[in-house]
Amino acid sequence: MLPLKDVLVHALQCMPELEALVMVECAYNRGETDPDFLRRLLPGARNGRARVLNLGERGADSLLESVARVLISTARIRGPDAGAP
């Protein structure tokens, strides 16, 4: 069986961004890894896949919460108390 860090790096390199993010956030929320550690494992200074790690946050209770948060924030949808543009 592969170590978790290897699985997560492989996911970041090969899977669609949202799917990889859900895997990373799950491990992060469980205290099994952190984004800085994974960032060091991704080769190259211009590794675009490492951008996914910038989207991750601690505290999501489900994969749907993670996906919805990213889709809403990238669509720049703001909450009712965010004020007018």
N, C-alpha and C. Protein backbone atom coordinates (compact mmCIF):
# COMPACT_ATOMS: atom_id res chain seq x y z
N MET A 1 0.85 -1.17 0.00
CA MET A 1 0.00 0.00 0.00
C MET A 1 0.90 1.24 0.00
N LEU A 2 0.52 2.24 -0.80
CA LEU A 2 1.28 3.48 -0.89
C LEU A 2 1.04 4.37 0.33
N PRO A 3 2.06 5.11 0.74
CA PRO A 3 1.85 6.09 1.81
C PRO A 3 0.88 7.18 1.35
N LEU A 4 0.15 7.74 2.30
CA LEU A 4 -0.85 8.76 1.99
C LEU A 4 -0.25 9.93 1.21
N LYS A 5 0.94 10.38 1.59
CA LYS A 5 1.56 11.52 0.89
C LYS A 5 1.74 11.22 -0.59
N ASP A 6 2.12 9.99 -0.93
CA ASP A 6 2.29 9.62 -2.34
C ASP A 6 0.96 9.61 -3.08
N VAL A 7 -0.07 9.12 -2.43
CA VAL A 7 -1.40 9.10 -3.03
C VAL A 7 -1.88 10.52 -3.31
N LEU A 8 -1.69 11.42 -2.34
CA LEU A 8 -2.15 12.80 -2.50
C LEU A 8 -1.37 13.54 -3.59
N VAL A 9 -0.07 13.35 -3.64
CA VAL A 9 0.73 13.99 -4.69
C VAL A 9 0.31 13.46 -6.05
N HIS A 10 0.09 12.17 -6.16
CA HIS A 10 -0.36 11.59 -7.42
C HIS A 10 -1.73 12.16 -7.81
N ALA A 11 -2.62 12.28 -6.84
CA ALA A 11 -3.94 12.86 -7.11
C ALA A 11 -3.80 14.29 -7.61
N LEU A 12 -2.95 15.08 -6.97
CA LEU A 12 -2.74 16.48 -7.38
C LEU A 12 -2.18 16.56 -8.80
N GLN A 13 -1.36 15.61 -9.18
CA GLN A 13 -0.74 15.65 -10.50
C GLN A 13 -1.64 15.09 -11.60
N CYS A 14 -2.55 14.19 -11.24
CA CYS A 14 -3.27 13.45 -12.28
C CYS A 14 -4.79 13.64 -12.31
N MET A 15 -5.38 14.02 -11.22
CA MET A 15 -6.83 14.10 -11.16
C MET A 15 -7.32 15.51 -11.45
N PRO A 16 -8.58 15.65 -11.81
CA PRO A 16 -9.17 16.99 -11.92
C PRO A 16 -9.01 17.75 -10.60
N GLU A 17 -8.88 19.07 -10.69
CA GLU A 17 -8.58 19.90 -9.53
C GLU A 17 -9.53 19.68 -8.35
N LEU A 18 -10.84 19.70 -8.60
CA LEU A 18 -11.78 19.57 -7.49
C LEU A 18 -11.69 18.22 -6.81
N GLU A 19 -11.49 17.18 -7.58
CA GLU A 19 -11.37 15.84 -6.99
C GLU A 19 -10.12 15.74 -6.13
N ALA A 20 -9.02 16.28 -6.62
CA ALA A 20 -7.78 16.27 -5.85
C ALA A 20 -7.93 17.12 -4.59
N LEU A 21 -8.59 18.26 -4.71
CA LEU A 21 -8.80 19.13 -3.56
C LEU A 21 -9.58 18.43 -2.47
N VAL A 22 -10.62 17.70 -2.82
CA VAL A 22 -11.43 16.99 -1.83
C VAL A 22 -10.56 15.98 -1.08
N MET A 23 -9.71 15.29 -1.79
CA MET A 23 -8.83 14.30 -1.14
C MET A 23 -7.86 14.99 -0.18
N VAL A 24 -7.26 16.09 -0.64
CA VAL A 24 -6.30 16.81 0.19
C VAL A 24 -6.98 17.41 1.42
N GLU A 25 -8.14 18.02 1.23
CA GLU A 25 -8.86 18.62 2.36
C GLU A 25 -9.25 17.57 3.39
N CYS A 26 -9.65 16.41 2.95
CA CYS A 26 -10.02 15.34 3.88
C CYS A 26 -8.82 14.97 4.74
N ALA A 27 -7.67 14.76 4.11
CA ALA A 27 -6.47 14.41 4.87
C ALA A 27 -6.04 15.56 5.78
N TYR A 28 -6.19 16.79 5.31
CA TYR A 28 -5.83 17.97 6.09
C TYR A 28 -6.74 18.10 7.32
N ASN A 29 -8.04 17.92 7.13
CA ASN A 29 -8.99 18.01 8.23
C ASN A 29 -8.77 16.93 9.28
N ARG A 30 -8.27 15.80 8.85
CA ARG A 30 -8.01 14.70 9.78
C ARG A 30 -6.64 14.83 10.46
N GLY A 31 -5.87 15.86 10.07
CA GLY A 31 -4.56 16.08 10.65
C GLY A 31 -3.49 15.16 10.11
N GLU A 32 -3.72 14.57 8.94
CA GLU A 32 -2.79 13.60 8.39
C GLU A 32 -1.76 14.23 7.45
N THR A 33 -1.97 15.48 7.07
CA THR A 33 -1.01 16.20 6.22
C THR A 33 -1.34 17.68 6.29
N ASP A 34 -0.53 18.48 5.64
CA ASP A 34 -0.83 19.90 5.53
C ASP A 34 -0.36 20.39 4.16
N PRO A 35 -0.96 21.47 3.66
CA PRO A 35 -0.66 21.95 2.31
C PRO A 35 0.82 22.27 2.10
N ASP A 36 1.49 22.84 3.09
CA ASP A 36 2.90 23.18 2.92
C ASP A 36 3.76 21.94 2.71
N PHE A 37 3.45 20.88 3.43
CA PHE A 37 4.18 19.63 3.25
C PHE A 37 3.99 19.10 1.83
N LEU A 38 2.75 19.10 1.34
CA LEU A 38 2.48 18.61 -0.02
C LEU A 38 3.12 19.51 -1.07
N ARG A 39 3.11 20.81 -0.83
CA ARG A 39 3.72 21.76 -1.77
C ARG A 39 5.20 21.45 -1.96
N ARG A 40 5.88 21.07 -0.88
CA ARG A 40 7.31 20.73 -0.96
C ARG A 40 7.53 19.46 -1.77
N LEU A 41 6.54 18.59 -1.83
CA LEU A 41 6.69 17.33 -2.57
C LEU A 41 6.41 17.47 -4.06
N LEU A 42 5.78 18.58 -4.46
CA LEU A 42 5.47 18.78 -5.87
C LEU A 42 6.67 19.41 -6.56
N PRO A 43 7.17 18.78 -7.60
CA PRO A 43 8.40 19.27 -8.25
C PRO A 43 8.18 20.53 -9.07
N GLY A 44 9.21 21.34 -9.13
CA GLY A 44 9.21 22.51 -10.02
C GLY A 44 8.62 23.75 -9.40
N ALA A 45 9.26 24.88 -9.67
CA ALA A 45 8.82 26.16 -9.13
C ALA A 45 7.53 26.64 -9.78
N ARG A 46 7.22 26.13 -10.95
CA ARG A 46 6.03 26.58 -11.68
C ARG A 46 4.98 25.47 -11.79
N ASN A 47 4.89 24.66 -10.78
CA ASN A 47 3.95 23.55 -10.79
C ASN A 47 2.54 24.10 -10.59
N GLY A 48 1.78 24.13 -11.68
CA GLY A 48 0.43 24.67 -11.64
C GLY A 48 -0.51 23.88 -10.76
N ARG A 49 -0.23 22.61 -10.58
CA ARG A 49 -1.12 21.77 -9.77
C ARG A 49 -1.06 22.17 -8.30
N ALA A 50 0.01 22.80 -7.89
CA ALA A 50 0.12 23.24 -6.50
C ALA A 50 -0.89 24.34 -6.19
N ARG A 51 -1.43 25.00 -7.22
CA ARG A 51 -2.46 26.04 -7.01
C ARG A 51 -3.67 25.48 -6.27
N VAL A 52 -3.97 24.22 -6.50
CA VAL A 52 -5.11 23.59 -5.84
C VAL A 52 -4.96 23.69 -4.32
N LEU A 53 -3.73 23.61 -3.84
CA LEU A 53 -3.50 23.67 -2.41
C LEU A 53 -3.88 25.02 -1.82
N ASN A 54 -3.87 26.06 -2.64
CA ASN A 54 -4.28 27.39 -2.18
C ASN A 54 -5.78 27.49 -1.97
N LEU A 55 -6.53 26.58 -2.56
CA LEU A 55 -7.99 26.59 -2.43
C LEU A 55 -8.47 25.85 -1.19
N GLY A 56 -7.61 25.04 -0.63
CA GLY A 56 -8.00 24.22 0.50
C GLY A 56 -8.17 25.00 1.78
N GLU A 57 -9.10 24.55 2.60
CA GLU A 57 -9.34 25.13 3.91
C GLU A 57 -9.64 24.02 4.90
N ARG A 58 -9.35 24.28 6.12
CA ARG A 58 -9.67 23.31 7.16
C ARG A 58 -11.10 23.57 7.65
N GLY A 59 -11.84 22.51 7.90
CA GLY A 59 -13.15 22.68 8.50
C GLY A 59 -14.32 22.17 7.69
N ALA A 60 -14.12 21.81 6.43
CA ALA A 60 -15.24 21.29 5.65
C ALA A 60 -15.66 19.94 6.23
N ASP A 61 -16.97 19.76 6.37
CA ASP A 61 -17.50 18.52 6.92
C ASP A 61 -17.84 17.48 5.86
N SER A 62 -17.82 17.89 4.60
CA SER A 62 -18.16 16.95 3.54
C SER A 62 -17.51 17.38 2.23
N LEU A 63 -17.45 16.45 1.31
CA LEU A 63 -16.89 16.78 0.00
C LEU A 63 -17.77 17.79 -0.73
N LEU A 64 -19.08 17.73 -0.52
CA LEU A 64 -19.96 18.70 -1.16
C LEU A 64 -19.71 20.11 -0.65
N GLU A 65 -19.41 20.24 0.62
CA GLU A 65 -19.10 21.55 1.18
C GLU A 65 -17.82 22.10 0.56
N SER A 66 -16.82 21.26 0.39
CA SER A 66 -15.56 21.69 -0.23
C SER A 66 -15.78 22.14 -1.67
N VAL A 67 -16.49 21.31 -2.43
CA VAL A 67 -16.73 21.63 -3.84
C VAL A 67 -17.58 22.89 -3.97
N ALA A 68 -18.65 22.99 -3.19
CA ALA A 68 -19.51 24.17 -3.27
C ALA A 68 -18.73 25.44 -2.92
N ARG A 69 -17.92 25.39 -1.87
CA ARG A 69 -17.14 26.56 -1.47
C ARG A 69 -16.23 27.04 -2.59
N VAL A 70 -15.54 26.10 -3.24
CA VAL A 70 -14.62 26.47 -4.33
C VAL A 70 -15.39 27.00 -5.53
N LEU A 71 -16.46 26.35 -5.90
CA LEU A 71 -17.23 26.81 -7.06
C LEU A 71 -17.85 28.19 -6.82
N ILE A 72 -18.35 28.41 -5.62
CA ILE A 72 -18.94 29.72 -5.30
C ILE A 72 -17.87 30.80 -5.27
N SER A 73 -16.73 30.50 -4.66
CA SER A 73 -15.69 31.53 -4.58
C SER A 73 -15.07 31.83 -5.94
N THR A 74 -14.91 30.82 -6.79
CA THR A 74 -14.33 31.08 -8.11
C THR A 74 -15.33 31.77 -9.03
N ALA A 75 -16.63 31.60 -8.75
CA ALA A 75 -17.65 32.31 -9.52
C ALA A 75 -17.84 33.72 -8.98
N ARG A 76 -17.17 34.02 -7.87
CA ARG A 76 -17.22 35.33 -7.21
C ARG A 76 -18.63 35.69 -6.74
N ILE A 77 -19.34 34.67 -6.28
CA ILE A 77 -20.66 34.89 -5.69
C ILE A 77 -20.44 35.29 -4.25
N ARG A 78 -21.06 36.38 -3.85
CA ARG A 78 -20.86 36.89 -2.49
C ARG A 78 -22.14 36.75 -1.70
N GLY A 79 -21.99 36.65 -0.40
CA GLY A 79 -23.11 36.50 0.50
C GLY A 79 -23.91 37.80 0.62
N PRO A 80 -25.09 37.75 1.23
CA PRO A 80 -25.95 38.93 1.34
C PRO A 80 -25.34 40.05 2.17
N ASP A 81 -24.44 39.73 3.08
CA ASP A 81 -23.85 40.78 3.91
C ASP A 81 -22.53 41.30 3.33
N ALA A 82 -22.19 40.91 2.11
CA ALA A 82 -20.93 41.31 1.49
C ALA A 82 -21.00 42.73 0.91
N GLY A 83 -22.20 43.28 0.79
CA GLY A 83 -22.33 44.63 0.26
C GLY A 83 -22.44 44.65 -1.26
N ALA A 84 -22.78 45.78 -1.78
CA ALA A 84 -22.93 45.91 -3.23
C ALA A 84 -21.56 46.05 -3.88
N PRO A 85 -21.43 45.57 -5.14
CA PRO A 85 -20.14 45.68 -5.84
C PRO A 85 -19.74 47.09 -6.15
